[in-house]
Amino acid sequence: MSAVDVLRDAIAGRKSVRLNYNGEERQVCPHALGQRDGKTFVLAYQVKGPSSTGTVSKGSRNNWRCLDASLVTDAEIVDDEWRTSSDGQWPQGCIEDVECEVVEAPPKGKS
């Protein structure tokens, strides 16, 4: 299974993924996958591992990453909780043409 296939499955099932990105191991919760300028990107919320854009802090809005899917290797779904930023807001601009994205569950008591 390719890294992109693993990311698609993780998005559909709201699963956490361990992967290598540009040679560094990270754990992310992918939220969307799609294209921008002819390349595939994944919008992910990083929960573990190094990042050139800042330290990972639980619940922080600064944990969002726009990852070039061509630099993702060794992706595997892991048994860990799926997470997002504490305000539930996703940044815009990572993906122009969305292929798949997390579908938010309806509020409790609603269907």
PDB file of N, CA and C in Angstrom:
ATOM      1  N   MET A   1       0.849  -1.174   0.000  1.00  0.00           N
ATOM      2  CA  MET A   1       0.000   0.000   0.000  1.00  0.00           C
ATOM      3  C   MET A   1       0.897   1.240   0.000  1.00  0.00           C
ATOM      4  N   SER A   2       0.601   2.192  -0.857  1.00  0.00           N
ATOM      5  CA  SER A   2       1.408   3.418  -0.932  1.00  0.00           C
ATOM      6  C   SER A   2       1.117   4.332   0.258  1.00  0.00           C
ATOM      7  N   ALA A   3       2.007   5.273   0.496  1.00  0.00           N
ATOM      8  CA  ALA A   3       1.817   6.232   1.580  1.00  0.00           C
ATOM      9  C   ALA A   3       0.521   7.018   1.385  1.00  0.00           C
ATOM     10  N   VAL A   4       0.224   7.392   0.147  1.00  0.00           N
ATOM     11  CA  VAL A   4      -1.006   8.145  -0.127  1.00  0.00           C
ATOM     12  C   VAL A   4      -2.238   7.287   0.179  1.00  0.00           C
ATOM     13  N   ASP A   5      -2.189   5.996  -0.131  1.00  0.00           N
ATOM     14  CA  ASP A   5      -3.308   5.100   0.192  1.00  0.00           C
ATOM     15  C   ASP A   5      -3.510   5.010   1.709  1.00  0.00           C
ATOM     16  N   VAL A   6      -2.413   4.923   2.461  1.00  0.00           N
ATOM     17  CA  VAL A   6      -2.502   4.883   3.925  1.00  0.00           C
ATOM     18  C   VAL A   6      -3.126   6.178   4.437  1.00  0.00           C
ATOM     19  N   LEU A   7      -2.715   7.311   3.893  1.00  0.00           N
ATOM     20  CA  LEU A   7      -3.272   8.597   4.317  1.00  0.00           C
ATOM     21  C   LEU A   7      -4.761   8.686   4.006  1.00  0.00           C
ATOM     22  N   ARG A   8      -5.174   8.203   2.835  1.00  0.00           N
ATOM     23  CA  ARG A   8      -6.604   8.183   2.483  1.00  0.00           C
ATOM     24  C   ARG A   8      -7.395   7.358   3.506  1.00  0.00           C
ATOM     25  N   ASP A   9      -6.889   6.156   3.820  1.00  0.00           N
ATOM     26  CA  ASP A   9      -7.569   5.294   4.789  1.00  0.00           C
ATOM     27  C   ASP A   9      -7.646   5.956   6.162  1.00  0.00           C
ATOM     28  N   ALA A  10      -6.567   6.614   6.560  1.00  0.00           N
ATOM     29  CA  ALA A  10      -6.537   7.283   7.859  1.00  0.00           C
ATOM     30  C   ALA A  10      -7.544   8.432   7.912  1.00  0.00           C
ATOM     31  N   ILE A  11      -7.663   9.171   6.831  1.00  0.00           N
ATOM     32  CA  ILE A  11      -8.637  10.263   6.770  1.00  0.00           C
ATOM     33  C   ILE A  11     -10.054   9.701   6.878  1.00  0.00           C
ATOM     34  N   ALA A  12     -10.328   8.653   6.116  1.00  0.00           N
ATOM     35  CA  ALA A  12     -11.672   8.056   6.133  1.00  0.00           C
ATOM     36  C   ALA A  12     -12.042   7.521   7.516  1.00  0.00           C
ATOM     37  N   GLY A  13     -11.050   6.982   8.237  1.00  0.00           N
ATOM     38  CA  GLY A  13     -11.323   6.388   9.539  1.00  0.00           C
ATOM     39  C   GLY A  13     -10.922   7.225  10.739  1.00  0.00           C
ATOM     40  N   ARG A  14     -10.477   8.456  10.483  1.00  0.00           N
ATOM     41  CA  ARG A  14     -10.005   9.338  11.561  1.00  0.00           C
ATOM     42  C   ARG A  14      -8.972   8.619  12.423  1.00  0.00           C
ATOM     43  N   LYS A  15      -7.887   8.206  11.768  1.00  0.00           N
ATOM     44  CA  LYS A  15      -6.812   7.457  12.420  1.00  0.00           C
ATOM     45  C   LYS A  15      -5.513   8.257  12.415  1.00  0.00           C
ATOM     46  N   SER A  16      -4.685   7.977  13.388  1.00  0.00           N
ATOM     47  CA  SER A  16      -3.369   8.590  13.490  1.00  0.00           C
ATOM     48  C   SER A  16      -2.382   7.789  12.640  1.00  0.00           C
ATOM     49  N   VAL A  17      -1.373   8.476  12.079  1.00  0.00           N
ATOM     50  CA  VAL A  17      -0.406   7.845  11.185  1.00  0.00           C
ATOM     51  C   VAL A  17       1.016   8.180  11.625  1.00  0.00           C
ATOM     52  N   ARG A  18       1.865   7.152  11.660  1.00  0.00           N
ATOM     53  CA  ARG A  18       3.298   7.361  11.843  1.00  0.00           C
ATOM     54  C   ARG A  18       3.909   7.318  10.450  1.00  0.00           C
ATOM     55  N   LEU A  19       4.785   8.268  10.156  1.00  0.00           N
ATOM     56  CA  LEU A  19       5.379   8.332   8.820  1.00  0.00           C
ATOM     57  C   LEU A  19       6.745   8.984   8.880  1.00  0.00           C
ATOM     58  N   ASN A  20       7.456   8.858   7.805  1.00  0.00           N
ATOM     59  CA  ASN A  20       8.697   9.605   7.626  1.00  0.00           C
ATOM     60  C   ASN A  20       8.402  10.715   6.635  1.00  0.00           C
ATOM     61  N   TYR A  21       8.792  11.915   6.999  1.00  0.00           N
ATOM     62  CA  TYR A  21       8.608  13.054   6.107  1.00  0.00           C
ATOM     63  C   TYR A  21       9.961  13.708   5.902  1.00  0.00           C
ATOM     64  N   ASN A  22      10.409  13.653   4.682  1.00  0.00           N
ATOM     65  CA  ASN A  22      11.700  14.242   4.353  1.00  0.00           C
ATOM     66  C   ASN A  22      12.802  13.715   5.268  1.00  0.00           C
ATOM     67  N   GLY A  23      12.714  12.403   5.607  1.00  0.00           N
ATOM     68  CA  GLY A  23      13.734  11.750   6.407  1.00  0.00           C
ATOM     69  C   GLY A  23      13.551  11.802   7.908  1.00  0.00           C
ATOM     70  N   GLU A  24      12.494  12.455   8.399  1.00  0.00           N
ATOM     71  CA  GLU A  24      12.241  12.576   9.842  1.00  0.00           C
ATOM     72  C   GLU A  24      10.953  11.843  10.207  1.00  0.00           C
ATOM     73  N   GLU A  25      10.985  11.050  11.306  1.00  0.00           N
ATOM     74  CA  GLU A  25       9.775  10.353  11.743  1.00  0.00           C
ATOM     75  C   GLU A  25       8.855  11.307  12.497  1.00  0.00           C
ATOM     76  N   ARG A  26       7.580  11.273  12.109  1.00  0.00           N
ATOM     77  CA  ARG A  26       6.557  12.107  12.747  1.00  0.00           C
ATOM     78  C   ARG A  26       5.314  11.270  12.958  1.00  0.00           C
ATOM     79  N   GLN A  27       4.443  11.744  13.827  1.00  0.00           N
ATOM     80  CA  GLN A  27       3.107  11.164  13.936  1.00  0.00           C
ATOM     81  C   GLN A  27       2.123  12.287  13.694  1.00  0.00           C
ATOM     82  N   VAL A  28       1.191  12.037  12.789  1.00  0.00           N
ATOM     83  CA  VAL A  28       0.220  13.060  12.400  1.00  0.00           C
ATOM     84  C   VAL A  28      -1.185  12.477  12.355  1.00  0.00           C
ATOM     85  N   CYS A  29      -2.139  13.370  12.386  1.00  0.00           N
ATOM     86  CA  CYS A  29      -3.540  13.019  12.187  1.00  0.00           C
ATOM     87  C   CYS A  29      -3.974  13.745  10.909  1.00  0.00           C
ATOM     88  N   PRO A  30      -4.013  13.014   9.793  1.00  0.00           N
ATOM     89  CA  PRO A  30      -4.347  13.661   8.524  1.00  0.00           C
ATOM     90  C   PRO A  30      -5.821  14.070   8.479  1.00  0.00           C
ATOM     91  N   HIS A  31      -6.073  15.262   7.942  1.00  0.00           N
ATOM     92  CA  HIS A  31      -7.427  15.803   7.859  1.00  0.00           C
ATOM     93  C   HIS A  31      -7.922  15.932   6.425  1.00  0.00           C
ATOM     94  N   ALA A  32      -7.024  16.154   5.479  1.00  0.00           N
ATOM     95  CA  ALA A  32      -7.428  16.326   4.075  1.00  0.00           C
ATOM     96  C   ALA A  32      -6.265  15.966   3.156  1.00  0.00           C
ATOM     97  N   LEU A  33      -6.639  15.520   1.958  1.00  0.00           N
ATOM     98  CA  LEU A  33      -5.667  15.148   0.932  1.00  0.00           C
ATOM     99  C   LEU A  33      -6.160  15.715  -0.381  1.00  0.00           C
ATOM    100  N   GLY A  34      -5.255  16.276  -1.166  1.00  0.00           N
ATOM    101  CA  GLY A  34      -5.663  16.821  -2.449  1.00  0.00           C
ATOM    102  C   GLY A  34      -4.495  17.434  -3.192  1.00  0.00           C
ATOM    103  N   GLN A  35      -4.834  18.209  -4.209  1.00  0.00           N
ATOM    104  CA  GLN A  35      -3.802  18.757  -5.080  1.00  0.00           C
ATOM    105  C   GLN A  35      -3.737  20.279  -5.008  1.00  0.00           C
ATOM    106  N   ARG A  36      -2.520  20.764  -5.260  1.00  0.00           N
ATOM    107  CA  ARG A  36      -2.260  22.191  -5.441  1.00  0.00           C
ATOM    108  C   ARG A  36      -1.095  22.296  -6.416  1.00  0.00           C
ATOM    109  N   ASP A  37      -1.272  23.066  -7.446  1.00  0.00           N
ATOM    110  CA  ASP A  37      -0.226  23.274  -8.452  1.00  0.00           C
ATOM    111  C   ASP A  37       0.301  21.958  -9.019  1.00  0.00           C
ATOM    112  N   GLY A  38      -0.609  20.989  -9.216  1.00  0.00           N
ATOM    113  CA  GLY A  38      -0.231  19.722  -9.831  1.00  0.00           C
ATOM    114  C   GLY A  38       0.462  18.727  -8.916  1.00  0.00           C
ATOM    115  N   LYS A  39       0.577  19.049  -7.631  1.00  0.00           N
ATOM    116  CA  LYS A  39       1.212  18.153  -6.664  1.00  0.00           C
ATOM    117  C   LYS A  39       0.202  17.744  -5.599  1.00  0.00           C
ATOM    118  N   THR A  40       0.425  16.582  -5.000  1.00  0.00           N
ATOM    119  CA  THR A  40      -0.459  16.092  -3.938  1.00  0.00           C
ATOM    120  C   THR A  40       0.082  16.520  -2.578  1.00  0.00           C
ATOM    121  N   PHE A  41      -0.814  17.055  -1.745  1.00  0.00           N
ATOM    122  CA  PHE A  41      -0.479  17.493  -0.395  1.00  0.00           C
ATOM    123  C   PHE A  41      -1.452  16.880   0.600  1.00  0.00           C
ATOM    124  N   VAL A  42      -0.988  16.755   1.839  1.00  0.00           N
ATOM    125  CA  VAL A  42      -1.858  16.328   2.927  1.00  0.00           C
ATOM    126  C   VAL A  42      -1.829  17.409   4.003  1.00  0.00           C
ATOM    127  N   LEU A  43      -3.020  17.798   4.452  1.00  0.00           N
ATOM    128  CA  LEU A  43      -3.138  18.712   5.586  1.00  0.00           C
ATOM    129  C   LEU A  43      -3.259  17.834   6.823  1.00  0.00           C
ATOM    130  N   ALA A  44      -2.295  17.968   7.735  1.00  0.00           N
ATOM    131  CA  ALA A  44      -2.243  17.085   8.894  1.00  0.00           C
ATOM    132  C   ALA A  44      -1.979  17.873  10.165  1.00  0.00           C
ATOM    133  N   TYR A  45      -2.473  17.319  11.259  1.00  0.00           N
ATOM    134  CA  TYR A  45      -2.211  17.878  12.579  1.00  0.00           C
ATOM    135  C   TYR A  45      -1.120  17.021  13.217  1.00  0.00           C
ATOM    136  N   GLN A  46       0.069  17.597  13.414  1.00  0.00           N
ATOM    137  CA  GLN A  46       1.204  16.838  13.933  1.00  0.00           C
ATOM    138  C   GLN A  46       1.112  16.708  15.444  1.00  0.00           C
ATOM    139  N   VAL A  47       1.320  15.466  15.946  1.00  0.00           N
ATOM    140  CA  VAL A  47       1.237  15.225  17.384  1.00  0.00           C
ATOM    141  C   VAL A  47       2.558  14.763  18.002  1.00  0.00           C
ATOM    142  N   LYS A  48       3.484  14.242  17.181  1.00  0.00           N
ATOM    143  CA  LYS A  48       4.784  13.807  17.699  1.00  0.00           C
ATOM    144  C   LYS A  48       5.845  13.983  16.626  1.00  0.00           C
ATOM    145  N   GLY A  49       7.080  14.160  17.083  1.00  0.00           N
ATOM    146  CA  GLY A  49       8.208  14.214  16.161  1.00  0.00           C
ATOM    147  C   GLY A  49       8.698  15.619  15.883  1.00  0.00           C
ATOM    148  N   PRO A  50       9.850  15.695  15.197  1.00  0.00           N
ATOM    149  CA  PRO A  50      10.465  16.993  14.905  1.00  0.00           C
ATOM    150  C   PRO A  50       9.735  17.744  13.796  1.00  0.00           C
ATOM    151  N   SER A  51       9.926  19.047  13.792  1.00  0.00           N
ATOM    152  CA  SER A  51       9.362  19.881  12.740  1.00  0.00           C
ATOM    153  C   SER A  51      10.222  21.123  12.568  1.00  0.00           C
ATOM    154  N   SER A  52      10.431  21.499  11.329  1.00  0.00           N
ATOM    155  CA  SER A  52      11.217  22.706  11.068  1.00  0.00           C
ATOM    156  C   SER A  52      10.407  23.976  11.325  1.00  0.00           C
ATOM    157  N   THR A  53       9.081  23.824  11.506  1.00  0.00           N
ATOM    158  CA  THR A  53       8.236  25.003  11.685  1.00  0.00           C
ATOM    159  C   THR A  53       7.835  25.254  13.134  1.00  0.00           C
ATOM    160  N   GLY A  54       8.391  24.503  14.063  1.00  0.00           N
ATOM    161  CA  GLY A  54       8.089  24.786  15.462  1.00  0.00           C
ATOM    162  C   GLY A  54       7.834  23.536  16.280  1.00  0.00           C
ATOM    163  N   THR A  55       7.855  23.721  17.599  1.00  0.00           N
ATOM    164  CA  THR A  55       7.654  22.638  18.551  1.00  0.00           C
ATOM    165  C   THR A  55       6.187  22.217  18.574  1.00  0.00           C
ATOM    166  N   VAL A  56       5.966  20.922  18.690  1.00  0.00           N
ATOM    167  CA  VAL A  56       4.610  20.377  18.782  1.00  0.00           C
ATOM    168  C   VAL A  56       4.128  20.519  20.222  1.00  0.00           C
ATOM    169  N   SER A  57       2.978  21.190  20.413  1.00  0.00           N
ATOM    170  CA  SER A  57       2.377  21.383  21.734  1.00  0.00           C
ATOM    171  C   SER A  57       0.936  20.903  21.683  1.00  0.00           C
ATOM    172  N   LYS A  58       0.524  20.103  22.659  1.00  0.00           N
ATOM    173  CA  LYS A  58      -0.813  19.525  22.677  1.00  0.00           C
ATOM    174  C   LYS A  58      -1.891  20.593  22.501  1.00  0.00           C
ATOM    175  N   GLY A  59      -2.771  20.365  21.508  1.00  0.00           N
ATOM    176  CA  GLY A  59      -3.903  21.250  21.263  1.00  0.00           C
ATOM    177  C   GLY A  59      -3.593  22.530  20.516  1.00  0.00           C
ATOM    178  N   SER A  60      -2.313  22.784  20.234  1.00  0.00           N
ATOM    179  CA  SER A  60      -1.917  24.061  19.629  1.00  0.00           C
ATOM    180  C   SER A  60      -2.336  24.173  18.163  1.00  0.00           C
ATOM    181  N   ARG A  61      -2.757  25.358  17.773  1.00  0.00           N
ATOM    182  CA  ARG A  61      -3.043  25.664  16.374  1.00  0.00           C
ATOM    183  C   ARG A  61      -1.771  25.642  15.530  1.00  0.00           C
ATOM    184  N   ASN A  62      -0.618  25.735  16.172  1.00  0.00           N
ATOM    185  CA  ASN A  62       0.660  25.760  15.461  1.00  0.00           C
ATOM    186  C   ASN A  62       1.132  24.369  15.021  1.00  0.00           C
ATOM    187  N   ASN A  63       0.359  23.340  15.312  1.00  0.00           N
ATOM    188  CA  ASN A  63       0.743  21.971  14.945  1.00  0.00           C
ATOM    189  C   ASN A  63       0.289  21.582  13.540  1.00  0.00           C
ATOM    190  N   TRP A  64      -0.408  22.447  12.832  1.00  0.00           N
ATOM    191  CA  TRP A  64      -0.870  22.132  11.475  1.00  0.00           C
ATOM    192  C   TRP A  64       0.314  22.085  10.526  1.00  0.00           C
ATOM    193  N   ARG A  65       0.302  21.076   9.648  1.00  0.00           N
ATOM    194  CA  ARG A  65       1.353  20.918   8.655  1.00  0.00           C
ATOM    195  C   ARG A  65       0.730  20.659   7.290  1.00  0.00           C
ATOM    196  N   CYS A  66       1.303  21.282   6.283  1.00  0.00           N
ATOM    197  CA  CYS A  66       0.930  21.032   4.889  1.00  0.00           C
ATOM    198  C   CYS A  66       2.095  20.244   4.296  1.00  0.00           C
ATOM    199  N   LEU A  67       1.909  18.939   4.178  1.00  0.00           N
ATOM    200  CA  LEU A  67       3.002  18.055   3.779  1.00  0.00           C
ATOM    201  C   LEU A  67       2.903  17.677   2.302  1.00  0.00           C
ATOM    202  N   ASP A  68       4.010  17.792   1.607  1.00  0.00           N
ATOM    203  CA  ASP A  68       4.122  17.350   0.218  1.00  0.00           C
ATOM    204  C   ASP A  68       4.112  15.820   0.248  1.00  0.00           C
ATOM    205  N   ALA A  69       3.084  15.209  -0.311  1.00  0.00           N
ATOM    206  CA  ALA A  69       2.922  13.755  -0.238  1.00  0.00           C
ATOM    207  C   ALA A  69       4.071  13.005  -0.902  1.00  0.00           C
ATOM    208  N   SER A  70       4.767  13.627  -1.844  1.00  0.00           N
ATOM    209  CA  SER A  70       5.885  12.940  -2.505  1.00  0.00           C
ATOM    210  C   SER A  70       7.076  12.749  -1.557  1.00  0.00           C
ATOM    211  N   LEU A  71       7.080  13.452  -0.416  1.00  0.00           N
ATOM    212  CA  LEU A  71       8.159  13.321   0.565  1.00  0.00           C
ATOM    213  C   LEU A  71       7.783  12.412   1.731  1.00  0.00           C
ATOM    214  N   VAL A  72       6.573  11.825   1.683  1.00  0.00           N
ATOM    215  CA  VAL A  72       6.099  10.931   2.743  1.00  0.00           C
ATOM    216  C   VAL A  72       6.452   9.487   2.379  1.00  0.00           C
ATOM    217  N   THR A  73       7.100   8.784   3.326  1.00  0.00           N
ATOM    218  CA  THR A  73       7.420   7.365   3.159  1.00  0.00           C
ATOM    219  C   THR A  73       7.074   6.630   4.448  1.00  0.00           C
ATOM    220  N   ASP A  74       7.048   5.318   4.366  1.00  0.00           N
ATOM    221  CA  ASP A  74       6.856   4.451   5.537  1.00  0.00           C
ATOM    222  C   ASP A  74       5.637   4.835   6.367  1.00  0.00           C
ATOM    223  N   ALA A  75       4.545   5.184   5.719  1.00  0.00           N
ATOM    224  CA  ALA A  75       3.327   5.577   6.432  1.00  0.00           C
ATOM    225  C   ALA A  75       2.586   4.336   6.924  1.00  0.00           C
ATOM    226  N   GLU A  76       2.173   4.389   8.200  1.00  0.00           N
ATOM    227  CA  GLU A  76       1.378   3.301   8.755  1.00  0.00           C
ATOM    228  C   GLU A  76       0.403   3.848   9.786  1.00  0.00           C
ATOM    229  N   ILE A  77      -0.800   3.298   9.791  1.00  0.00           N
ATOM    230  CA  ILE A  77      -1.797   3.676  10.783  1.00  0.00           C
ATOM    231  C   ILE A  77      -1.371   3.094  12.119  1.00  0.00           C
ATOM    232  N   VAL A  78      -1.473   3.906  13.168  1.00  0.00           N
ATOM    233  CA  VAL A  78      -1.086   3.466  14.511  1.00  0.00           C
ATOM    234  C   VAL A  78      -2.285   3.537  15.447  1.00  0.00           C
ATOM    235  N   ASP A  79      -2.207   2.748  16.500  1.00  0.00           N
ATOM    236  CA  ASP A  79      -3.286   2.685  17.484  1.00  0.00           C
ATOM    237  C   ASP A  79      -3.074   3.798  18.507  1.00  0.00           C
ATOM    238  N   ASP A  80      -3.522   4.978  18.146  1.00  0.00           N
ATOM    239  CA  ASP A  80      -3.409   6.145  19.016  1.00  0.00           C
ATOM    240  C   ASP A  80      -4.602   7.038  18.694  1.00  0.00           C
ATOM    241  N   GLU A  81      -4.979   7.881  19.607  1.00  0.00           N
ATOM    242  CA  GLU A  81      -6.147   8.716  19.374  1.00  0.00           C
ATOM    243  C   GLU A  81      -5.910   9.692  18.218  1.00  0.00           C
ATOM    244  N   TRP A  82      -6.972   9.989  17.492  1.00  0.00           N
ATOM    245  CA  TRP A  82      -6.943  10.983  16.422  1.00  0.00           C
ATOM    246  C   TRP A  82      -7.156  12.337  17.072  1.00  0.00           C
ATOM    247  N   ARG A  83      -6.353  13.323  16.697  1.00  0.00           N
ATOM    248  CA  ARG A  83      -6.429  14.631  17.353  1.00  0.00           C
ATOM    249  C   ARG A  83      -6.518  15.760  16.332  1.00  0.00           C
ATOM    250  N   THR A  84      -6.936  16.897  16.824  1.00  0.00           N
ATOM    251  CA  THR A  84      -7.000  18.115  16.029  1.00  0.00           C
ATOM    252  C   THR A  84      -6.714  19.287  16.964  1.00  0.00           C
ATOM    253  N   SER A  85      -6.667  20.482  16.433  1.00  0.00           N
ATOM    254  CA  SER A  85      -6.398  21.635  17.305  1.00  0.00           C
ATOM    255  C   SER A  85      -7.574  21.850  18.249  1.00  0.00           C
ATOM    256  N   SER A  86      -7.298  22.450  19.386  1.00  0.00           N
ATOM    257  CA  SER A  86      -8.324  22.616  20.412  1.00  0.00           C
ATOM    258  C   SER A  86      -9.470  23.515  19.952  1.00  0.00           C
ATOM    259  N   ASP A  87      -9.211  24.399  18.984  1.00  0.00           N
ATOM    260  CA  ASP A  87     -10.296  25.260  18.497  1.00  0.00           C
ATOM    261  C   ASP A  87     -11.049  24.632  17.326  1.00  0.00           C
ATOM    262  N   GLY A  88     -10.567  23.476  16.846  1.00  0.00           N
ATOM    263  CA  GLY A  88     -11.250  22.758  15.769  1.00  0.00           C
ATOM    264  C   GLY A  88     -11.164  23.415  14.407  1.00  0.00           C
ATOM    265  N   GLN A  89     -10.375  24.477  14.279  1.00  0.00           N
ATOM    266  CA  GLN A  89     -10.262  25.210  13.016  1.00  0.00           C
ATOM    267  C   GLN A  89      -9.116  24.678  12.172  1.00  0.00           C
ATOM    268  N   TRP A  90      -9.351  24.535  10.874  1.00  0.00           N
ATOM    269  CA  TRP A  90      -8.319  24.085   9.941  1.00  0.00           C
ATOM    270  C   TRP A  90      -7.790  25.290   9.181  1.00  0.00           C
ATOM    271  N   PRO A  91      -6.484  25.344   8.951  1.00  0.00           N
ATOM    272  CA  PRO A  91      -5.946  26.436   8.133  1.00  0.00           C
ATOM    273  C   PRO A  91      -6.324  26.253   6.664  1.00  0.00           C
ATOM    274  N   GLN A  92      -6.391  27.330   5.953  1.00  0.00           N
ATOM    275  CA  GLN A  92      -6.729  27.298   4.534  1.00  0.00           C
ATOM    276  C   GLN A  92      -5.462  27.480   3.701  1.00  0.00           C
ATOM    277  N   GLY A  93      -5.518  27.086   2.429  1.00  0.00           N
ATOM    278  CA  GLY A  93      -4.423  27.355   1.513  1.00  0.00           C
ATOM    279  C   GLY A  93      -3.526  26.181   1.190  1.00  0.00           C
ATOM    280  N   CYS A  94      -3.620  25.104   1.942  1.00  0.00           N
ATOM    281  CA  CYS A  94      -2.756  23.955   1.694  1.00  0.00           C
ATOM    282  C   CYS A  94      -3.167  23.216   0.423  1.00  0.00           C
ATOM    283  N   ILE A  95      -4.459  23.053   0.234  1.00  0.00           N
ATOM    284  CA  ILE A  95      -4.987  22.239  -0.865  1.00  0.00           C
ATOM    285  C   ILE A  95      -6.022  23.045  -1.645  1.00  0.00           C
ATOM    286  N   GLU A  96      -5.902  23.033  -2.969  1.00  0.00           N
ATOM    287  CA  GLU A  96      -6.884  23.717  -3.815  1.00  0.00           C
ATOM    288  C   GLU A  96      -8.015  22.777  -4.222  1.00  0.00           C
ATOM    289  N   ASP A  97      -7.663  21.557  -4.642  1.00  0.00           N
ATOM    290  CA  ASP A  97      -8.646  20.569  -5.084  1.00  0.00           C
ATOM    291  C   ASP A  97      -8.645  19.414  -4.098  1.00  0.00           C
ATOM    292  N   VAL A  98      -9.635  19.373  -3.211  1.00  0.00           N
ATOM    293  CA  VAL A  98      -9.707  18.359  -2.164  1.00  0.00           C
ATOM    294  C   VAL A  98     -10.187  17.034  -2.749  1.00  0.00           C
ATOM    295  N   GLU A  99      -9.406  15.989  -2.507  1.00  0.00           N
ATOM    296  CA  GLU A  99      -9.766  14.634  -2.931  1.00  0.00           C
ATOM    297  C   GLU A  99     -10.574  13.935  -1.840  1.00  0.00           C
ATOM    298  N   CYS A 100     -10.108  14.056  -0.596  1.00  0.00           N
ATOM    299  CA  CYS A 100     -10.832  13.487   0.542  1.00  0.00           C
ATOM    300  C   CYS A 100     -10.500  14.299   1.783  1.00  0.00           C
ATOM    301  N   GLU A 101     -11.438  14.315   2.715  1.00  0.00           N
ATOM    302  CA  GLU A 101     -11.233  15.062   3.952  1.00  0.00           C
ATOM    303  C   GLU A 101     -12.048  14.428   5.065  1.00  0.00           C
ATOM    304  N   VAL A 102     -11.655  14.713   6.297  1.00  0.00           N
ATOM    305  CA  VAL A 102     -12.377  14.213   7.454  1.00  0.00           C
ATOM    306  C   VAL A 102     -13.769  14.816   7.440  1.00  0.00           C
ATOM    307  N   VAL A 103     -14.741  13.973   7.647  1.00  0.00           N
ATOM    308  CA  VAL A 103     -16.117  14.437   7.777  1.00  0.00           C
ATOM    309  C   VAL A 103     -16.405  14.515   9.261  1.00  0.00           C
ATOM    310  N   GLU A 104     -16.705  15.707   9.707  1.00  0.00           N
ATOM    311  CA  GLU A 104     -16.961  15.903  11.126  1.00  0.00           C
ATOM    312  C   GLU A 104     -18.230  15.155  11.533  1.00  0.00           C
ATOM    313  N   ALA A 105     -18.188  14.541  12.698  1.00  0.00           N
ATOM    314  CA  ALA A 105     -19.353  13.852  13.231  1.00  0.00           C
ATOM    315  C   ALA A 105     -20.388  14.891  13.639  1.00  0.00           C
ATOM    316  N   PRO A 106     -21.680  14.555  13.516  1.00  0.00           N
ATOM    317  CA  PRO A 106     -22.709  15.494  13.979  1.00  0.00           C
ATOM    318  C   PRO A 106     -22.629  15.677  15.482  1.00  0.00           C
ATOM    319  N   PRO A 107     -23.085  16.813  15.994  1.00  0.00           N
ATOM    320  CA  PRO A 107     -23.062  17.018  17.455  1.00  0.00           C
ATOM    321  C   PRO A 107     -23.858  15.920  18.158  1.00  0.00           C
ATOM    322  N   LYS A 108     -23.463  15.640  19.397  1.00  0.00           N
ATOM    323  CA  LYS A 108     -24.169  14.595  20.158  1.00  0.00           C
ATOM    324  C   LYS A 108     -25.647  14.908  20.225  1.00  0.00           C
ATOM    325  N   GLY A 109     -26.466  13.864  20.041  1.00  0.00           N
ATOM    326  CA  GLY A 109     -27.914  14.029  20.078  1.00  0.00           C
ATOM    327  C   GLY A 109     -28.511  14.415  18.746  1.00  0.00           C
ATOM    328  N   LYS A 110     -27.674  14.659  17.729  1.00  0.00           N
ATOM    329  CA  LYS A 110     -28.153  15.021  16.389  1.00  0.00           C
ATOM    330  C   LYS A 110     -27.780  13.921  15.415  1.00  0.00           C
ATOM    331  N   SER A 111     -28.543  13.788  14.356  1.00  0.00           N
ATOM    332  CA  SER A 111     -28.191  12.805  13.328  1.00  0.00           C
ATOM    333  C   SER A 111     -28.449  13.373  11.955  1.00  0.00           C
TER     334      SER A 111
END
